[in-house]
């Protein structure tokens, strides 16, 4: 299953951990191909995730529901991968 599909399914602790495991596996596979990772250091990853959170009010301005904080945190991690 694709990361974005798992991301859409996050709604509790178990689905969050499932997504986090898939993100970790995606990162491990990124060394052999690009897989869309914009940030290859923990500093760059966190900088991008924080920048996304600040720019989007933790996704609220992009339609994320504040009642689903598990999904907000999953998107935070995902944006560490893709946000520049």
C-alpha atoms as a PDB file:
ATOM      1  CA  UNK A   1       0.000   0.000   0.000  1.00  0.00           C
ATOM      2  CA  UNK A   2       1.237   3.493  -0.836  1.00  0.00           C
ATOM      3  CA  UNK A   3       2.219   5.947   1.893  1.00  0.00           C
ATOM      4  CA  UNK A   4      -0.486   8.438   0.951  1.00  0.00           C
ATOM      5  CA  UNK A   5      -3.131   5.689   1.241  1.00  0.00           C
ATOM      6  CA  UNK A   6      -1.900   4.777   4.720  1.00  0.00           C
ATOM      7  CA  UNK A   7      -1.798   8.471   5.612  1.00  0.00           C
ATOM      8  CA  UNK A   8      -5.463   8.852   4.676  1.00  0.00           C
ATOM      9  CA  UNK A   9      -6.335   5.955   7.009  1.00  0.00           C
ATOM     10  CA  UNK A  10      -4.672   7.346  10.149  1.00  0.00           C
ATOM     11  CA  UNK A  11      -7.237   7.890  12.894  1.00  0.00           C
ATOM     12  CA  UNK A  12      -5.813   6.281  16.041  1.00  0.00           C
ATOM     13  CA  UNK A  13      -2.592   5.090  17.637  1.00  0.00           C
ATOM     14  CA  UNK A  14      -2.463   1.791  15.727  1.00  0.00           C
ATOM     15  CA  UNK A  15      -3.008   3.312  12.282  1.00  0.00           C
ATOM     16  CA  UNK A  16      -0.466   6.024  13.164  1.00  0.00           C
ATOM     17  CA  UNK A  17       2.141   3.394  14.033  1.00  0.00           C
ATOM     18  CA  UNK A  18       1.333   1.473  10.853  1.00  0.00           C
ATOM     19  CA  UNK A  19       1.975   4.647   8.862  1.00  0.00           C
ATOM     20  CA  UNK A  20       5.170   5.434  10.818  1.00  0.00           C
ATOM     21  CA  UNK A  21       6.512   1.936  10.117  1.00  0.00           C
ATOM     22  CA  UNK A  22       5.760   2.327   6.413  1.00  0.00           C
ATOM     23  CA  UNK A  23       7.464   5.735   6.374  1.00  0.00           C
ATOM     24  CA  UNK A  24      10.517   4.215   8.037  1.00  0.00           C
ATOM     25  CA  UNK A  25      10.609   1.419   5.437  1.00  0.00           C
ATOM     26  CA  UNK A  26      10.228   3.980   2.674  1.00  0.00           C
ATOM     27  CA  UNK A  27      13.188   5.919   4.070  1.00  0.00           C
ATOM     28  CA  UNK A  28      15.325   2.772   4.214  1.00  0.00           C
ATOM     29  CA  UNK A  29      14.472   2.003   0.584  1.00  0.00           C
ATOM     30  CA  UNK A  30      15.275   5.587  -0.439  1.00  0.00           C
ATOM     31  CA  UNK A  31      19.004   4.908  -0.322  1.00  0.00           C
ATOM     32  CA  UNK A  32      18.673   2.730  -3.403  1.00  0.00           C
ATOM     33  CA  UNK A  33      16.333   5.070  -5.279  1.00  0.00           C
ATOM     34  CA  UNK A  34      14.921   8.573  -4.830  1.00  0.00           C
ATOM     35  CA  UNK A  35      11.376   7.694  -3.646  1.00  0.00           C
ATOM     36  CA  UNK A  36      10.635  11.419  -3.221  1.00  0.00           C
ATOM     37  CA  UNK A  37      12.728  12.084  -0.121  1.00  0.00           C
ATOM     38  CA  UNK A  38      13.691  15.764  -0.085  1.00  0.00           C
ATOM     39  CA  UNK A  39      15.435  15.636   3.286  1.00  0.00           C
ATOM     40  CA  UNK A  40      18.094  13.072   4.076  1.00  0.00           C
ATOM     41  CA  UNK A  41      19.203  14.244   7.521  1.00  0.00           C
ATOM     42  CA  UNK A  42      17.191  14.356  10.726  1.00  0.00           C
ATOM     43  CA  UNK A  43      17.821  18.099  10.900  1.00  0.00           C
ATOM     44  CA  UNK A  44      16.485  18.664   7.386  1.00  0.00           C
ATOM     45  CA  UNK A  45      13.568  16.305   8.012  1.00  0.00           C
ATOM     46  CA  UNK A  46      12.506  18.108  11.187  1.00  0.00           C
ATOM     47  CA  UNK A  47      13.123  21.561   9.717  1.00  0.00           C
ATOM     48  CA  UNK A  48      10.768  20.773   6.836  1.00  0.00           C
ATOM     49  CA  UNK A  49       8.124  19.184   9.061  1.00  0.00           C
ATOM     50  CA  UNK A  50       8.167  22.198  11.384  1.00  0.00           C
ATOM     51  CA  UNK A  51       8.065  24.634   8.451  1.00  0.00           C
ATOM     52  CA  UNK A  52       5.000  22.824   7.084  1.00  0.00           C
ATOM     53  CA  UNK A  53       3.293  22.859  10.505  1.00  0.00           C
ATOM     54  CA  UNK A  54       3.919  26.579  10.938  1.00  0.00           C
ATOM     55  CA  UNK A  55       2.895  27.485   7.374  1.00  0.00           C
ATOM     56  CA  UNK A  56      -0.320  25.438   7.415  1.00  0.00           C
ATOM     57  CA  UNK A  57      -1.383  25.799  11.068  1.00  0.00           C
ATOM     58  CA  UNK A  58      -0.635  22.082  11.462  1.00  0.00           C
ATOM     59  CA  UNK A  59      -2.659  21.310   8.348  1.00  0.00           C
ATOM     60  CA  UNK A  60      -5.826  23.156   9.371  1.00  0.00           C
ATOM     61  CA  UNK A  61      -5.498  25.543   6.401  1.00  0.00           C
ATOM     62  CA  UNK A  62      -5.195  22.464   4.161  1.00  0.00           C
ATOM     63  CA  UNK A  63      -8.361  20.823   5.449  1.00  0.00           C
ATOM     64  CA  UNK A  64      -7.011  18.514   8.161  1.00  0.00           C
ATOM     65  CA  UNK A  65      -9.423  18.128  11.027  1.00  0.00           C
ATOM     66  CA  UNK A  66      -8.091  19.245  14.419  1.00  0.00           C
ATOM     67  CA  UNK A  67     -10.176  16.463  15.971  1.00  0.00           C
ATOM     68  CA  UNK A  68      -7.877  13.870  14.342  1.00  0.00           C
ATOM     69  CA  UNK A  69      -4.549  14.721  15.960  1.00  0.00           C
ATOM     70  CA  UNK A  70      -3.156  11.289  15.001  1.00  0.00           C
ATOM     71  CA  UNK A  71      -3.521  12.189  11.344  1.00  0.00           C
ATOM     72  CA  UNK A  72      -2.067  15.666  11.931  1.00  0.00           C
ATOM     73  CA  UNK A  73       1.049  14.091  13.438  1.00  0.00           C
ATOM     74  CA  UNK A  74       1.271  11.564  10.604  1.00  0.00           C
ATOM     75  CA  UNK A  75       1.090  14.374   8.043  1.00  0.00           C
ATOM     76  CA  UNK A  76       3.745  16.225  10.062  1.00  0.00           C
ATOM     77  CA  UNK A  77       6.062  13.231   9.600  1.00  0.00           C
ATOM     78  CA  UNK A  78       5.144  12.853   5.932  1.00  0.00           C
ATOM     79  CA  UNK A  79       5.906  16.516   5.313  1.00  0.00           C
ATOM     80  CA  UNK A  80       9.352  15.958   6.786  1.00  0.00           C
ATOM     81  CA  UNK A  81       9.858  13.735   3.766  1.00  0.00           C
ATOM     82  CA  UNK A  82       8.421  15.982   1.044  1.00  0.00           C
ATOM     83  CA  UNK A  83       8.281  19.617   2.190  1.00  0.00           C
ATOM     84  CA  UNK A  84      11.058  21.910   0.978  1.00  0.00           C
END
